[in-house]
């Protein structure tokens, strides 16, 4: 059975969307959606460093909410963009 992870400290999703999903197959697995530098009040962190820090905090919050810890992370893909 899949379990949706939407931390209460995050803005509510606008659709049928989850910050993370936990499911059982041979073992329990958490897939975390793409995180951005948005604070719990919905504002965007100011500047690249602050946004990257906030993104990592958001990632860790979803991880913790699902009952996982940093040592359980297998892979992280990071994309950065610079507006034109």
PDB file of N, CA and C in Angstrom:
ATOM      1  N   UNK A   1       0.847  -1.180   0.000  1.00  0.00           N
ATOM      2  CA  UNK A   1       0.000   0.000   0.000  1.00  0.00           C
ATOM      3  C   UNK A   1       0.888   1.238   0.000  1.00  0.00           C
ATOM      4  N   UNK A   2       0.582   2.188  -0.835  1.00  0.00           N
ATOM      5  CA  UNK A   2       1.358   3.424  -0.911  1.00  0.00           C
ATOM      6  C   UNK A   2       0.874   4.401   0.157  1.00  0.00           C
ATOM      7  N   UNK A   3       1.811   5.172   0.708  1.00  0.00           N
ATOM      8  CA  UNK A   3       1.494   6.174   1.726  1.00  0.00           C
ATOM      9  C   UNK A   3       2.035   7.518   1.256  1.00  0.00           C
ATOM     10  N   UNK A   4       1.147   8.513   1.161  1.00  0.00           N
ATOM     11  CA  UNK A   4       1.553   9.851   0.740  1.00  0.00           C
ATOM     12  C   UNK A   4       2.219  10.588   1.898  1.00  0.00           C
ATOM     13  N   UNK A   5       3.267  11.368   1.583  1.00  0.00           N
ATOM     14  CA  UNK A   5       3.961  12.179   2.577  1.00  0.00           C
ATOM     15  C   UNK A   5       3.808  13.645   2.182  1.00  0.00           C
ATOM     16  N   UNK A   6       3.081  14.397   2.988  1.00  0.00           N
ATOM     17  CA  UNK A   6       2.897  15.836   2.819  1.00  0.00           C
ATOM     18  C   UNK A   6       3.042  16.481   4.190  1.00  0.00           C
ATOM     19  N   UNK A   7       4.275  16.908   4.562  1.00  0.00           N
ATOM     20  CA  UNK A   7       4.495  17.491   5.888  1.00  0.00           C
ATOM     21  C   UNK A   7       3.566  18.678   6.145  1.00  0.00           C
ATOM     22  N   UNK A   8       3.064  18.778   7.351  1.00  0.00           N
ATOM     23  CA  UNK A   8       2.150  19.862   7.712  1.00  0.00           C
ATOM     24  C   UNK A   8       2.843  21.223   7.678  1.00  0.00           C
ATOM     25  N   UNK A   9       4.177  21.240   7.696  1.00  0.00           N
ATOM     26  CA  UNK A   9       4.909  22.507   7.643  1.00  0.00           C
ATOM     27  C   UNK A   9       5.068  23.026   6.214  1.00  0.00           C
ATOM     28  N   UNK A  10       4.525  22.316   5.229  1.00  0.00           N
ATOM     29  CA  UNK A  10       4.599  22.715   3.825  1.00  0.00           C
ATOM     30  C   UNK A  10       3.267  23.307   3.396  1.00  0.00           C
ATOM     31  N   UNK A  11       3.260  24.170   2.377  1.00  0.00           N
ATOM     32  CA  UNK A  11       1.979  24.599   1.803  1.00  0.00           C
ATOM     33  C   UNK A  11       1.247  23.371   1.244  1.00  0.00           C
ATOM     34  N   UNK A  12      -0.073  23.360   1.307  1.00  0.00           N
ATOM     35  CA  UNK A  12      -0.855  22.226   0.799  1.00  0.00           C
ATOM     36  C   UNK A  12      -0.696  22.107  -0.710  1.00  0.00           C
ATOM     37  N   UNK A  13      -0.566  20.875  -1.219  1.00  0.00           N
ATOM     38  CA  UNK A  13      -0.495  20.686  -2.669  1.00  0.00           C
ATOM     39  C   UNK A  13      -1.767  21.207  -3.338  1.00  0.00           C
ATOM     40  N   UNK A  14      -1.630  21.716  -4.551  1.00  0.00           N
ATOM     41  CA  UNK A  14      -2.756  22.286  -5.270  1.00  0.00           C
ATOM     42  C   UNK A  14      -3.565  21.242  -6.034  1.00  0.00           C
ATOM     43  N   UNK A  15      -3.076  20.014  -6.095  1.00  0.00           N
ATOM     44  CA  UNK A  15      -3.790  18.957  -6.816  1.00  0.00           C
ATOM     45  C   UNK A  15      -3.486  17.628  -6.133  1.00  0.00           C
ATOM     46  N   UNK A  16      -3.710  16.559  -6.834  1.00  0.00           N
ATOM     47  CA  UNK A  16      -3.418  15.230  -6.304  1.00  0.00           C
ATOM     48  C   UNK A  16      -1.911  14.981  -6.425  1.00  0.00           C
ATOM     49  N   UNK A  17      -1.162  15.661  -5.597  1.00  0.00           N
ATOM     50  CA  UNK A  17       0.296  15.697  -5.655  1.00  0.00           C
ATOM     51  C   UNK A  17       0.816  15.442  -4.250  1.00  0.00           C
ATOM     52  N   UNK A  18       1.942  14.778  -4.145  1.00  0.00           N
ATOM     53  CA  UNK A  18       2.552  14.523  -2.842  1.00  0.00           C
ATOM     54  C   UNK A  18       4.016  14.903  -2.877  1.00  0.00           C
ATOM     55  N   UNK A  19       4.534  15.363  -1.739  1.00  0.00           N
ATOM     56  CA  UNK A  19       5.951  15.668  -1.618  1.00  0.00           C
ATOM     57  C   UNK A  19       6.782  14.392  -1.620  1.00  0.00           C
ATOM     58  N   UNK A  20       6.192  13.296  -1.204  1.00  0.00           N
ATOM     59  CA  UNK A  20       6.881  12.012  -1.190  1.00  0.00           C
ATOM     60  C   UNK A  20       5.878  10.872  -1.182  1.00  0.00           C
ATOM     61  N   UNK A  21       6.327   9.692  -1.551  1.00  0.00           N
ATOM     62  CA  UNK A  21       5.495   8.488  -1.537  1.00  0.00           C
ATOM     63  C   UNK A  21       6.313   7.347  -0.955  1.00  0.00           C
ATOM     64  N   UNK A  22       5.742   6.620  -0.042  1.00  0.00           N
ATOM     65  CA  UNK A  22       6.375   5.421   0.503  1.00  0.00           C
ATOM     66  C   UNK A  22       5.571   4.232  -0.003  1.00  0.00           C
ATOM     67  N   UNK A  23       6.274   3.207  -0.474  1.00  0.00           N
ATOM     68  CA  UNK A  23       5.576   1.988  -0.883  1.00  0.00           C
ATOM     69  C   UNK A  23       6.426   0.783  -0.526  1.00  0.00           C
ATOM     70  N   UNK A  24       5.780  -0.340  -0.349  1.00  0.00           N
ATOM     71  CA  UNK A  24       6.465  -1.588  -0.016  1.00  0.00           C
ATOM     72  C   UNK A  24       6.527  -2.483  -1.240  1.00  0.00           C
ATOM     73  N   UNK A  25       7.685  -2.975  -1.517  1.00  0.00           N
ATOM     74  CA  UNK A  25       7.859  -4.026  -2.513  1.00  0.00           C
ATOM     75  C   UNK A  25       8.665  -5.085  -1.767  1.00  0.00           C
ATOM     76  N   UNK A  26       9.900  -5.319  -2.157  1.00  0.00           N
ATOM     77  CA  UNK A  26      10.748  -6.221  -1.388  1.00  0.00           C
ATOM     78  C   UNK A  26      11.164  -5.541  -0.087  1.00  0.00           C
ATOM     79  N   UNK A  27      11.231  -4.224  -0.136  1.00  0.00           N
ATOM     80  CA  UNK A  27      11.521  -3.428   1.056  1.00  0.00           C
ATOM     81  C   UNK A  27      10.813  -2.085   0.903  1.00  0.00           C
ATOM     82  N   UNK A  28      10.802  -1.299   1.955  1.00  0.00           N
ATOM     83  CA  UNK A  28      10.145  -0.004   1.892  1.00  0.00           C
ATOM     84  C   UNK A  28      11.016   0.981   1.113  1.00  0.00           C
ATOM     85  N   UNK A  29      10.368   1.787   0.274  1.00  0.00           N
ATOM     86  CA  UNK A  29      11.086   2.742  -0.574  1.00  0.00           C
ATOM     87  C   UNK A  29      10.343   4.072  -0.559  1.00  0.00           C
ATOM     88  N   UNK A  30      11.080   5.156  -0.457  1.00  0.00           N
ATOM     89  CA  UNK A  30      10.511   6.502  -0.499  1.00  0.00           C
ATOM     90  C   UNK A  30      11.020   7.206  -1.742  1.00  0.00           C
ATOM     91  N   UNK A  31      10.107   7.740  -2.535  1.00  0.00           N
ATOM     92  CA  UNK A  31      10.457   8.553  -3.691  1.00  0.00           C
ATOM     93  C   UNK A  31       9.995   9.963  -3.363  1.00  0.00           C
ATOM     94  N   UNK A  32      10.916  10.924  -3.364  1.00  0.00           N
ATOM     95  CA  UNK A  32      10.601  12.307  -3.006  1.00  0.00           C
ATOM     96  C   UNK A  32      10.498  13.135  -4.279  1.00  0.00           C
ATOM     97  N   UNK A  33       9.445  13.923  -4.361  1.00  0.00           N
ATOM     98  CA  UNK A  33       9.251  14.779  -5.532  1.00  0.00           C
ATOM     99  C   UNK A  33      10.315  15.867  -5.578  1.00  0.00           C
ATOM    100  N   UNK A  34      10.407  16.546  -6.691  1.00  0.00           N
ATOM    101  CA  UNK A  34      11.339  17.650  -6.830  1.00  0.00           C
ATOM    102  C   UNK A  34      11.049  18.732  -5.805  1.00  0.00           C
ATOM    103  N   UNK A  35      12.043  19.143  -5.071  1.00  0.00           N
ATOM    104  CA  UNK A  35      11.889  20.165  -4.040  1.00  0.00           C
ATOM    105  C   UNK A  35      12.489  21.473  -4.534  1.00  0.00           C
ATOM    106  N   UNK A  36      11.932  22.573  -4.073  1.00  0.00           N
ATOM    107  CA  UNK A  36      12.401  23.901  -4.457  1.00  0.00           C
ATOM    108  C   UNK A  36      12.618  24.745  -3.209  1.00  0.00           C
ATOM    109  N   UNK A  37      13.190  25.916  -3.394  1.00  0.00           N
ATOM    110  CA  UNK A  37      13.529  26.786  -2.268  1.00  0.00           C
ATOM    111  C   UNK A  37      12.368  27.611  -1.759  1.00  0.00           C
ATOM    112  N   UNK A  38      11.234  26.970  -1.503  1.00  0.00           N
ATOM    113  CA  UNK A  38      10.043  27.650  -0.993  1.00  0.00           C
ATOM    114  C   UNK A  38       9.896  27.340   0.494  1.00  0.00           C
ATOM    115  N   UNK A  39       9.693  28.385   1.285  1.00  0.00           N
ATOM    116  CA  UNK A  39       9.530  28.245   2.736  1.00  0.00           C
ATOM    117  C   UNK A  39       8.115  27.779   3.070  1.00  0.00           C
ATOM    118  N   UNK A  40       7.898  27.405   4.317  1.00  0.00           N
ATOM    119  CA  UNK A  40       6.592  26.893   4.755  1.00  0.00           C
ATOM    120  C   UNK A  40       5.481  27.917   4.604  1.00  0.00           C
ATOM    121  N   UNK A  41       5.812  29.213   4.581  1.00  0.00           N
ATOM    122  CA  UNK A  41       4.784  30.243   4.401  1.00  0.00           C
ATOM    123  C   UNK A  41       4.493  30.514   2.927  1.00  0.00           C
ATOM    124  N   UNK A  42       5.162  29.776   2.026  1.00  0.00           N
ATOM    125  CA  UNK A  42       4.933  29.929   0.594  1.00  0.00           C
ATOM    126  C   UNK A  42       5.861  30.924  -0.080  1.00  0.00           C
ATOM    127  N   UNK A  43       6.700  31.615   0.683  1.00  0.00           N
ATOM    128  CA  UNK A  43       7.621  32.583   0.084  1.00  0.00           C
ATOM    129  C   UNK A  43       8.877  31.866  -0.421  1.00  0.00           C
ATOM    130  N   UNK A  44       9.515  32.482  -1.406  1.00  0.00           N
ATOM    131  CA  UNK A  44      10.742  31.929  -1.978  1.00  0.00           C
ATOM    132  C   UNK A  44      11.932  32.516  -1.218  1.00  0.00           C
ATOM    133  N   UNK A  45      12.854  31.644  -0.830  1.00  0.00           N
ATOM    134  CA  UNK A  45      14.060  32.101  -0.137  1.00  0.00           C
ATOM    135  C   UNK A  45      14.817  33.076  -1.040  1.00  0.00           C
ATOM    136  N   UNK A  46      15.478  34.065  -0.445  1.00  0.00           N
ATOM    137  CA  UNK A  46      16.127  35.142  -1.187  1.00  0.00           C
ATOM    138  C   UNK A  46      17.559  34.765  -1.566  1.00  0.00           C
ATOM    139  N   UNK A  47      17.816  34.577  -2.834  1.00  0.00           N
ATOM    140  CA  UNK A  47      19.160  34.281  -3.322  1.00  0.00           C
ATOM    141  C   UNK A  47      19.401  32.790  -3.509  1.00  0.00           C
ATOM    142  N   UNK A  48      20.388  32.485  -4.352  1.00  0.00           N
ATOM    143  CA  UNK A  48      20.693  31.097  -4.695  1.00  0.00           C
ATOM    144  C   UNK A  48      21.081  30.261  -3.478  1.00  0.00           C
ATOM    145  N   UNK A  49      22.002  30.765  -2.655  1.00  0.00           N
ATOM    146  CA  UNK A  49      22.438  29.996  -1.473  1.00  0.00           C
ATOM    147  C   UNK A  49      21.264  29.701  -0.548  1.00  0.00           C
ATOM    148  N   UNK A  50      20.436  30.710  -0.294  1.00  0.00           N
ATOM    149  CA  UNK A  50      19.287  30.529   0.598  1.00  0.00           C
ATOM    150  C   UNK A  50      18.283  29.544   0.004  1.00  0.00           C
ATOM    151  N   UNK A  51      18.083  29.603  -1.313  1.00  0.00           N
ATOM    152  CA  UNK A  51      17.154  28.672  -1.956  1.00  0.00           C
ATOM    153  C   UNK A  51      17.680  27.244  -1.902  1.00  0.00           C
ATOM    154  N   UNK A  52      18.987  27.083  -2.111  1.00  0.00           N
ATOM    155  CA  UNK A  52      19.568  25.736  -2.038  1.00  0.00           C
ATOM    156  C   UNK A  52      19.466  25.186  -0.611  1.00  0.00           C
ATOM    157  N   UNK A  53      19.726  26.031   0.373  1.00  0.00           N
ATOM    158  CA  UNK A  53      19.603  25.614   1.770  1.00  0.00           C
ATOM    159  C   UNK A  53      18.155  25.228   2.081  1.00  0.00           C
ATOM    160  N   UNK A  54      17.197  26.029   1.653  1.00  0.00           N
ATOM    161  CA  UNK A  54      15.783  25.746   1.902  1.00  0.00           C
ATOM    162  C   UNK A  54      15.343  24.463   1.201  1.00  0.00           C
ATOM    163  N   UNK A  55      15.828  24.266  -0.015  1.00  0.00           N
ATOM    164  CA  UNK A  55      15.504  23.042  -0.760  1.00  0.00           C
ATOM    165  C   UNK A  55      15.975  21.815   0.012  1.00  0.00           C
ATOM    166  N   UNK A  56      17.195  21.885   0.530  1.00  0.00           N
ATOM    167  CA  UNK A  56      17.731  20.744   1.296  1.00  0.00           C
ATOM    168  C   UNK A  56      16.929  20.545   2.583  1.00  0.00           C
ATOM    169  N   UNK A  57      16.544  21.629   3.251  1.00  0.00           N
ATOM    170  CA  UNK A  57      15.702  21.509   4.449  1.00  0.00           C
ATOM    171  C   UNK A  57      14.374  20.843   4.095  1.00  0.00           C
ATOM    172  N   UNK A  58      13.769  21.246   2.983  1.00  0.00           N
ATOM    173  CA  UNK A  58      12.505  20.648   2.548  1.00  0.00           C
ATOM    174  C   UNK A  58      12.676  19.158   2.289  1.00  0.00           C
ATOM    175  N   UNK A  59      13.759  18.793   1.624  1.00  0.00           N
ATOM    176  CA  UNK A  59      14.058  17.386   1.343  1.00  0.00           C
ATOM    177  C   UNK A  59      14.163  16.593   2.650  1.00  0.00           C
ATOM    178  N   UNK A  60      14.920  17.129   3.611  1.00  0.00           N
ATOM    179  CA  UNK A  60      15.104  16.453   4.894  1.00  0.00           C
ATOM    180  C   UNK A  60      13.792  16.350   5.679  1.00  0.00           C
ATOM    181  N   UNK A  61      12.928  17.341   5.554  1.00  0.00           N
ATOM    182  CA  UNK A  61      11.631  17.300   6.240  1.00  0.00           C
ATOM    183  C   UNK A  61      10.777  16.161   5.704  1.00  0.00           C
ATOM    184  N   UNK A  62      10.723  16.017   4.378  1.00  0.00           N
ATOM    185  CA  UNK A  62       9.955  14.917   3.776  1.00  0.00           C
ATOM    186  C   UNK A  62      10.561  13.584   4.197  1.00  0.00           C
ATOM    187  N   UNK A  63      11.879  13.478   4.160  1.00  0.00           N
ATOM    188  CA  UNK A  63      12.577  12.259   4.559  1.00  0.00           C
ATOM    189  C   UNK A  63      12.214  11.872   5.993  1.00  0.00           C
ATOM    190  N   UNK A  64      12.289  12.830   6.905  1.00  0.00           N
ATOM    191  CA  UNK A  64      11.985  12.590   8.316  1.00  0.00           C
ATOM    192  C   UNK A  64      10.516  12.241   8.533  1.00  0.00           C
ATOM    193  N   UNK A  65       9.635  12.966   7.858  1.00  0.00           N
ATOM    194  CA  UNK A  65       8.193  12.728   7.990  1.00  0.00           C
ATOM    195  C   UNK A  65       7.822  11.301   7.598  1.00  0.00           C
ATOM    196  N   UNK A  66       8.574  10.727   6.665  1.00  0.00           N
ATOM    197  CA  UNK A  66       8.329   9.358   6.198  1.00  0.00           C
ATOM    198  C   UNK A  66       8.987   8.316   7.097  1.00  0.00           C
ATOM    199  N   UNK A  67       9.756   8.767   8.111  1.00  0.00           N
ATOM    200  CA  UNK A  67      10.405   7.834   9.021  1.00  0.00           C
ATOM    201  C   UNK A  67      11.776   7.383   8.544  1.00  0.00           C
ATOM    202  N   UNK A  68      12.372   8.143   7.640  1.00  0.00           N
ATOM    203  CA  UNK A  68      13.698   7.812   7.133  1.00  0.00           C
ATOM    204  C   UNK A  68      14.716   8.816   7.673  1.00  0.00           C
ATOM    205  N   UNK A  69      15.997   8.512   7.487  1.00  0.00           N
ATOM    206  CA  UNK A  69      17.087   9.376   7.948  1.00  0.00           C
ATOM    207  C   UNK A  69      18.071   9.579   6.789  1.00  0.00           C
ATOM    208  N   UNK A  70      18.959  10.568   6.910  1.00  0.00           N
ATOM    209  CA  UNK A  70      19.909  10.827   5.815  1.00  0.00           C
ATOM    210  C   UNK A  70      20.707   9.597   5.373  1.00  0.00           C
ATOM    211  N   UNK A  71      21.025   8.707   6.291  1.00  0.00           N
ATOM    212  CA  UNK A  71      21.794   7.516   5.900  1.00  0.00           C
ATOM    213  C   UNK A  71      21.002   6.549   5.022  1.00  0.00           C
ATOM    214  N   UNK A  72      19.701   6.756   4.889  1.00  0.00           N
ATOM    215  CA  UNK A  72      18.878   5.924   4.017  1.00  0.00           C
ATOM    216  C   UNK A  72      18.852   6.427   2.579  1.00  0.00           C
ATOM    217  N   UNK A  73      19.377   7.618   2.329  1.00  0.00           N
ATOM    218  CA  UNK A  73      19.348   8.207   0.986  1.00  0.00           C
ATOM    219  C   UNK A  73      20.327   7.464   0.080  1.00  0.00           C
ATOM    220  N   UNK A  74      19.828   7.044  -1.065  1.00  0.00           N
ATOM    221  CA  UNK A  74      20.654   6.314  -2.027  1.00  0.00           C
ATOM    222  C   UNK A  74      21.110   7.226  -3.158  1.00  0.00           C
ATOM    223  N   UNK A  75      20.214   8.098  -3.617  1.00  0.00           N
ATOM    224  CA  UNK A  75      20.538   8.927  -4.775  1.00  0.00           C
ATOM    225  C   UNK A  75      19.775  10.237  -4.695  1.00  0.00           C
ATOM    226  N   UNK A  76      20.442  11.314  -5.058  1.00  0.00           N
ATOM    227  CA  UNK A  76      19.829  12.636  -5.162  1.00  0.00           C
ATOM    228  C   UNK A  76      20.267  13.228  -6.498  1.00  0.00           C
ATOM    229  N   UNK A  77      19.321  13.756  -7.247  1.00  0.00           N
ATOM    230  CA  UNK A  77      19.630  14.454  -8.497  1.00  0.00           C
ATOM    231  C   UNK A  77      19.307  15.923  -8.283  1.00  0.00           C
ATOM    232  N   UNK A  78      20.244  16.791  -8.603  1.00  0.00           N
ATOM    233  CA  UNK A  78      20.066  18.225  -8.377  1.00  0.00           C
ATOM    234  C   UNK A  78      20.158  18.964  -9.712  1.00  0.00           C
ATOM    235  N   UNK A  79      19.168  19.818  -9.952  1.00  0.00           N
ATOM    236  CA  UNK A  79      19.163  20.703 -11.111  1.00  0.00           C
ATOM    237  C   UNK A  79      19.175  22.126 -10.626  1.00  0.00           C
ATOM    238  N   UNK A  80      19.995  22.971 -11.212  1.00  0.00           N
ATOM    239  CA  UNK A  80      19.971  24.392 -10.907  1.00  0.00           C
ATOM    240  C   UNK A  80      19.790  25.143 -12.223  1.00  0.00           C
ATOM    241  N   UNK A  81      19.108  26.257 -12.148  1.00  0.00           N
ATOM    242  CA  UNK A  81      18.920  27.097 -13.333  1.00  0.00           C
ATOM    243  C   UNK A  81      19.209  28.539 -12.968  1.00  0.00           C
ATOM    244  N   UNK A  82      19.577  29.290 -13.934  1.00  0.00           N
ATOM    245  CA  UNK A  82      19.786  30.724 -13.771  1.00  0.00           C
ATOM    246  C   UNK A  82      18.824  31.415 -14.736  1.00  0.00           C
ATOM    247  N   UNK A  83      17.949  32.268 -14.231  1.00  0.00           N
ATOM    248  CA  UNK A  83      17.016  32.935 -15.149  1.00  0.00           C
ATOM    249  C   UNK A  83      17.766  33.801 -16.163  1.00  0.00           C
ATOM    250  N   UNK A  84      17.211  33.856 -17.362  1.00  0.00           N
ATOM    251  CA  UNK A  84      17.844  34.634 -18.434  1.00  0.00           C
ATOM    252  C   UNK A  84      17.606  36.115 -18.252  1.00  0.00           C
TER     253      UNK A  84
END
